[in-house]
Structures are given as structure tokens and as C-alpha cells.
Amino acid sequence: MSLGYGGAARLVLSDGESAVYAYGCTNLNRADNDPCEDGEIYVELRPIASAYAPKRTKRYPDGVPIGSAENVDYGKMLVEGSLKVTNCSNASDIGSGGVDVQAWPLIFRIALRIQLDGAFPAEVWYFK
């Protein structure tokens, strides 16, 4: 069973150190649902990539597999400007730091791909 909401972000511009993603959200529970890709997520690579310290074991010499980004201080990134979000027009709720609550899962997925691959993903999405 679906909760009826989700989002998608697509890499628009990157110089290898920072990236801009265009994102849009959908909420099937709202009558005025209009999933336009008019939001922006700006993120820098260094604070996310440097936060990851792989835990190596005999079984996992390259590091224990992770399911979410580790040791990333998103609040500090917002304050320092290494993470900025321009909310999309279809934002269902604005949470901490003035950021669309539906943008956070996209940010978390971007951060995970950065820590796993060492580069910005071309696109991320979710639907719950």
C-alpha cells in the first residue's frame, strides 16, 4: 500500500565539487497536486564525502555496506551554505530550516550515492 507521495531530482549542473539538482514532488492525497520540477537543491561534495569513514572488517575489507549516509551534519551544511534548497511549488509542508519535507529524502539519497560512489548521481527518486 502506498502513502501517495514522492519526489524526483535530476542533476542539472555540476563542476565535480558542487551540484545543482532540479526536483519536483508529488502528493496524490492533495486535490491540487501539480508535480512541476521547479525546485532546486544545491549540494557540495566535500562535507558529505569527507564525513564517511568506512568500517572495515575481515568479511568486508572495502567497508561494511551502508544503507544511509553516515556522519553527515545537514544542519551545519545548511548554515554554512554547502546545502541550499529552493522549495518546489508543490511542497506539501515546510520543515526545519525552511526546507520542503519531501526534499529531505532526495537529499538523503544524494548523500548516500556520494558516499558510496564518490560522485554526484545523475538522478534520485522515491515514492512511498
C-alpha atoms as a PDB file:
ATOM      1  CA  MET A   1       0.000   0.000   0.000  1.00  0.00           C
ATOM      2  CA  SER A   2       1.308   3.418  -0.955  1.00  0.00           C
ATOM      3  CA  LEU A   3       1.154   6.597   1.111  1.00  0.00           C
ATOM      4  CA  GLY A   4       0.771   8.541  -2.131  1.00  0.00           C
ATOM      5  CA  TYR A   5       3.736  10.890  -2.109  1.00  0.00           C
ATOM      6  CA  GLY A   6       7.187  11.012  -3.628  1.00  0.00           C
ATOM      7  CA  GLY A   7       9.769  13.057  -5.418  1.00  0.00           C
ATOM      8  CA  ALA A   8      12.483  13.018  -8.044  1.00  0.00           C
ATOM      9  CA  ALA A   9      15.667  15.024  -8.538  1.00  0.00           C
ATOM     10  CA  ARG A  10      17.755  15.307 -11.696  1.00  0.00           C
ATOM     11  CA  LEU A  11      21.331  16.593 -11.966  1.00  0.00           C
ATOM     12  CA  VAL A  12      21.324  19.833 -13.932  1.00  0.00           C
ATOM     13  CA  LEU A  13      24.792  21.286 -13.366  1.00  0.00           C
ATOM     14  CA  SER A  14      27.977  20.007 -11.723  1.00  0.00           C
ATOM     15  CA  ASP A  15      31.617  21.056 -11.602  1.00  0.00           C
ATOM     16  CA  GLY A  16      32.735  17.992  -9.638  1.00  0.00           C
ATOM     17  CA  GLU A  17      32.818  19.879  -6.322  1.00  0.00           C
ATOM     18  CA  SER A  18      29.222  21.107  -6.212  1.00  0.00           C
ATOM     19  CA  ALA A  19      25.993  20.308  -7.997  1.00  0.00           C
ATOM     20  CA  VAL A  20      22.551  21.718  -8.668  1.00  0.00           C
ATOM     21  CA  TYR A  21      19.585  19.381  -8.898  1.00  0.00           C
ATOM     22  CA  ALA A  22      16.134  20.254 -10.222  1.00  0.00           C
ATOM     23  CA  TYR A  23      13.476  18.489  -8.191  1.00  0.00           C
ATOM     24  CA  GLY A  24       9.741  18.084  -8.038  1.00  0.00           C
ATOM     25  CA  CYS A  25       7.361  16.455  -5.597  1.00  0.00           C
ATOM     26  CA  THR A  26       4.066  14.717  -5.964  1.00  0.00           C
ATOM     27  CA  ASN A  27       1.358  14.186  -3.371  1.00  0.00           C
ATOM     28  CA  LEU A  28      -1.580  12.151  -4.625  1.00  0.00           C
ATOM     29  CA  ASN A  29      -3.516  12.975  -1.440  1.00  0.00           C
ATOM     30  CA  ARG A  30      -3.974  16.608  -2.492  1.00  0.00           C
ATOM     31  CA  ALA A  31      -6.609  17.722  -4.961  1.00  0.00           C
ATOM     32  CA  ASP A  32      -4.288  20.451  -6.288  1.00  0.00           C
ATOM     33  CA  ASN A  33      -1.365  18.076  -6.947  1.00  0.00           C
ATOM     34  CA  ASP A  34       0.810  19.598  -9.704  1.00  0.00           C
ATOM     35  CA  PRO A  35       4.226  17.873  -9.801  1.00  0.00           C
ATOM     36  CA  CYS A  36       6.377  20.509 -11.508  1.00  0.00           C
ATOM     37  CA  GLU A  37      10.150  20.192 -11.455  1.00  0.00           C
ATOM     38  CA  ASP A  38      10.696  23.755 -10.254  1.00  0.00           C
ATOM     39  CA  GLY A  39      12.615  23.242  -7.002  1.00  0.00           C
ATOM     40  CA  GLU A  40      16.395  23.323  -6.657  1.00  0.00           C
ATOM     41  CA  ILE A  41      18.839  21.504  -4.411  1.00  0.00           C
ATOM     42  CA  TYR A  42      22.409  22.823  -4.256  1.00  0.00           C
ATOM     43  CA  VAL A  43      24.888  20.481  -2.581  1.00  0.00           C
ATOM     44  CA  GLU A  44      28.656  20.381  -2.175  1.00  0.00           C
ATOM     45  CA  LEU A  45      30.610  17.130  -2.366  1.00  0.00           C
ATOM     46  CA  ARG A  46      33.321  17.726   0.262  1.00  0.00           C
ATOM     47  CA  PRO A  47      31.263  17.850   3.508  1.00  0.00           C
ATOM     48  CA  ILE A  48      29.412  14.647   2.614  1.00  0.00           C
ATOM     49  CA  ALA A  49      32.284  12.633   1.163  1.00  0.00           C
ATOM     50  CA  SER A  50      34.690  13.556   3.984  1.00  0.00           C
ATOM     51  CA  ALA A  51      32.147  12.536   6.657  1.00  0.00           C
ATOM     52  CA  TYR A  52      32.236   8.902   5.568  1.00  0.00           C
ATOM     53  CA  ALA A  53      34.737   6.649   7.309  1.00  0.00           C
ATOM     54  CA  PRO A  54      34.263   3.053   6.093  1.00  0.00           C
ATOM     55  CA  LYS A  55      34.224   0.395   8.790  1.00  0.00           C
ATOM     56  CA  ARG A  56      36.478  -2.366   7.552  1.00  0.00           C
ATOM     57  CA  THR A  57      36.202  -5.926   8.754  1.00  0.00           C
ATOM     58  CA  LYS A  58      37.692  -9.213   7.659  1.00  0.00           C
ATOM     59  CA  ARG A  59      34.463 -10.020   5.842  1.00  0.00           C
ATOM     60  CA  TYR A  60      34.202  -6.530   4.282  1.00  0.00           C
ATOM     61  CA  PRO A  61      37.762  -5.322   3.565  1.00  0.00           C
ATOM     62  CA  ASP A  62      36.416  -2.424   1.434  1.00  0.00           C
ATOM     63  CA  GLY A  63      33.982  -1.377   4.165  1.00  0.00           C
ATOM     64  CA  VAL A  64      30.717  -2.585   5.643  1.00  0.00           C
ATOM     65  CA  PRO A  65      27.798  -1.846   3.270  1.00  0.00           C
ATOM     66  CA  ILE A  66      25.719   1.155   4.326  1.00  0.00           C
ATOM     67  CA  GLY A  67      22.052   1.893   3.702  1.00  0.00           C
ATOM     68  CA  SER A  68      22.120   5.590   4.566  1.00  0.00           C
ATOM     69  CA  ALA A  69      24.726   8.337   4.564  1.00  0.00           C
ATOM     70  CA  GLU A  70      26.816   8.334   7.721  1.00  0.00           C
ATOM     71  CA  ASN A  71      28.044  11.212   9.920  1.00  0.00           C
ATOM     72  CA  VAL A  72      26.606  13.995   7.739  1.00  0.00           C
ATOM     73  CA  ASP A  73      25.618  17.156   9.643  1.00  0.00           C
ATOM     74  CA  TYR A  74      22.862  18.528   7.385  1.00  0.00           C
ATOM     75  CA  GLY A  75      22.028  21.373   9.781  1.00  0.00           C
ATOM     76  CA  LYS A  76      25.617  22.613   9.705  1.00  0.00           C
ATOM     77  CA  MET A  77      25.640  22.331   5.925  1.00  0.00           C
ATOM     78  CA  LEU A  78      22.503  24.498   5.715  1.00  0.00           C
ATOM     79  CA  VAL A  79      24.080  27.143   7.965  1.00  0.00           C
ATOM     80  CA  GLU A  80      27.406  27.138   6.071  1.00  0.00           C
ATOM     81  CA  GLY A  81      25.700  27.275   2.671  1.00  0.00           C
ATOM     82  CA  SER A  82      27.056  23.971   1.361  1.00  0.00           C
ATOM     83  CA  LEU A  83      23.439  22.764   1.168  1.00  0.00           C
ATOM     84  CA  LYS A  84      20.669  25.030  -0.123  1.00  0.00           C
ATOM     85  CA  VAL A  85      17.121  24.196  -1.115  1.00  0.00           C
ATOM     86  CA  THR A  86      14.709  26.296  -3.130  1.00  0.00           C
ATOM     87  CA  ASN A  87      11.375  24.639  -2.402  1.00  0.00           C
ATOM     88  CA  CYS A  88       9.252  23.411  -5.279  1.00  0.00           C
ATOM     89  CA  SER A  89       5.799  24.858  -5.859  1.00  0.00           C
ATOM     90  CA  ASN A  90       4.136  21.552  -4.912  1.00  0.00           C
ATOM     91  CA  ALA A  91       5.721  21.412  -1.436  1.00  0.00           C
ATOM     92  CA  SER A  92       3.274  19.776   0.944  1.00  0.00           C
ATOM     93  CA  ASP A  93       4.913  21.029   4.158  1.00  0.00           C
ATOM     94  CA  ILE A  94       7.890  23.170   5.112  1.00  0.00           C
ATOM     95  CA  GLY A  95      10.001  21.689   7.901  1.00  0.00           C
ATOM     96  CA  SER A  96      13.156  22.635   9.784  1.00  0.00           C
ATOM     97  CA  GLY A  97      15.350  25.278   8.228  1.00  0.00           C
ATOM     98  CA  GLY A  98      12.566  26.262   5.823  1.00  0.00           C
ATOM     99  CA  VAL A  99      13.156  23.137   3.715  1.00  0.00           C
ATOM    100  CA  ASP A 100      10.373  21.183   1.989  1.00  0.00           C
ATOM    101  CA  VAL A 101       9.903  17.911   3.922  1.00  0.00           C
ATOM    102  CA  GLN A 102       9.660  16.000   0.652  1.00  0.00           C
ATOM    103  CA  ALA A 103      13.106  17.305  -0.409  1.00  0.00           C
ATOM    104  CA  TRP A 104      14.836  15.635   2.565  1.00  0.00           C
ATOM    105  CA  PRO A 105      14.509  12.042   1.258  1.00  0.00           C
ATOM    106  CA  LEU A 106      16.043  13.217  -2.023  1.00  0.00           C
ATOM    107  CA  ILE A 107      18.910  14.899  -0.157  1.00  0.00           C
ATOM    108  CA  PHE A 108      19.481  11.727   1.873  1.00  0.00           C
ATOM    109  CA  ARG A 109      19.626   9.637  -1.322  1.00  0.00           C
ATOM    110  CA  ILE A 110      22.041  12.079  -2.959  1.00  0.00           C
ATOM    111  CA  ALA A 111      24.282  11.945   0.127  1.00  0.00           C
ATOM    112  CA  LEU A 112      24.245   8.138   0.158  1.00  0.00           C
ATOM    113  CA  ARG A 113      25.271   7.941  -3.512  1.00  0.00           C
ATOM    114  CA  ILE A 114      28.069  10.456  -2.860  1.00  0.00           C
ATOM    115  CA  GLN A 115      29.413   8.351  -0.005  1.00  0.00           C
ATOM    116  CA  LEU A 116      29.127   5.086  -1.949  1.00  0.00           C
ATOM    117  CA  ASP A 117      30.314   6.264  -5.385  1.00  0.00           C
ATOM    118  CA  GLY A 118      32.338   9.391  -4.590  1.00  0.00           C
ATOM    119  CA  ALA A 119      30.401  11.359  -7.210  1.00  0.00           C
ATOM    120  CA  PHE A 120      27.051  13.036  -7.768  1.00  0.00           C
ATOM    121  CA  PRO A 121      24.281  10.729  -9.004  1.00  0.00           C
ATOM    122  CA  ALA A 122      22.554  11.645 -12.262  1.00  0.00           C
ATOM    123  CA  GLU A 123      19.127  11.243 -10.666  1.00  0.00           C
ATOM    124  CA  VAL A 124      17.437  10.070  -7.490  1.00  0.00           C
ATOM    125  CA  TRP A 125      13.786   9.412  -6.722  1.00  0.00           C
ATOM    126  CA  TYR A 126      11.438   7.890  -4.154  1.00  0.00           C
ATOM    127  CA  PHE A 127       7.772   7.053  -3.813  1.00  0.00           C
ATOM    128  CA  LYS A 128       6.084   5.995  -0.576  1.00  0.00           C
END
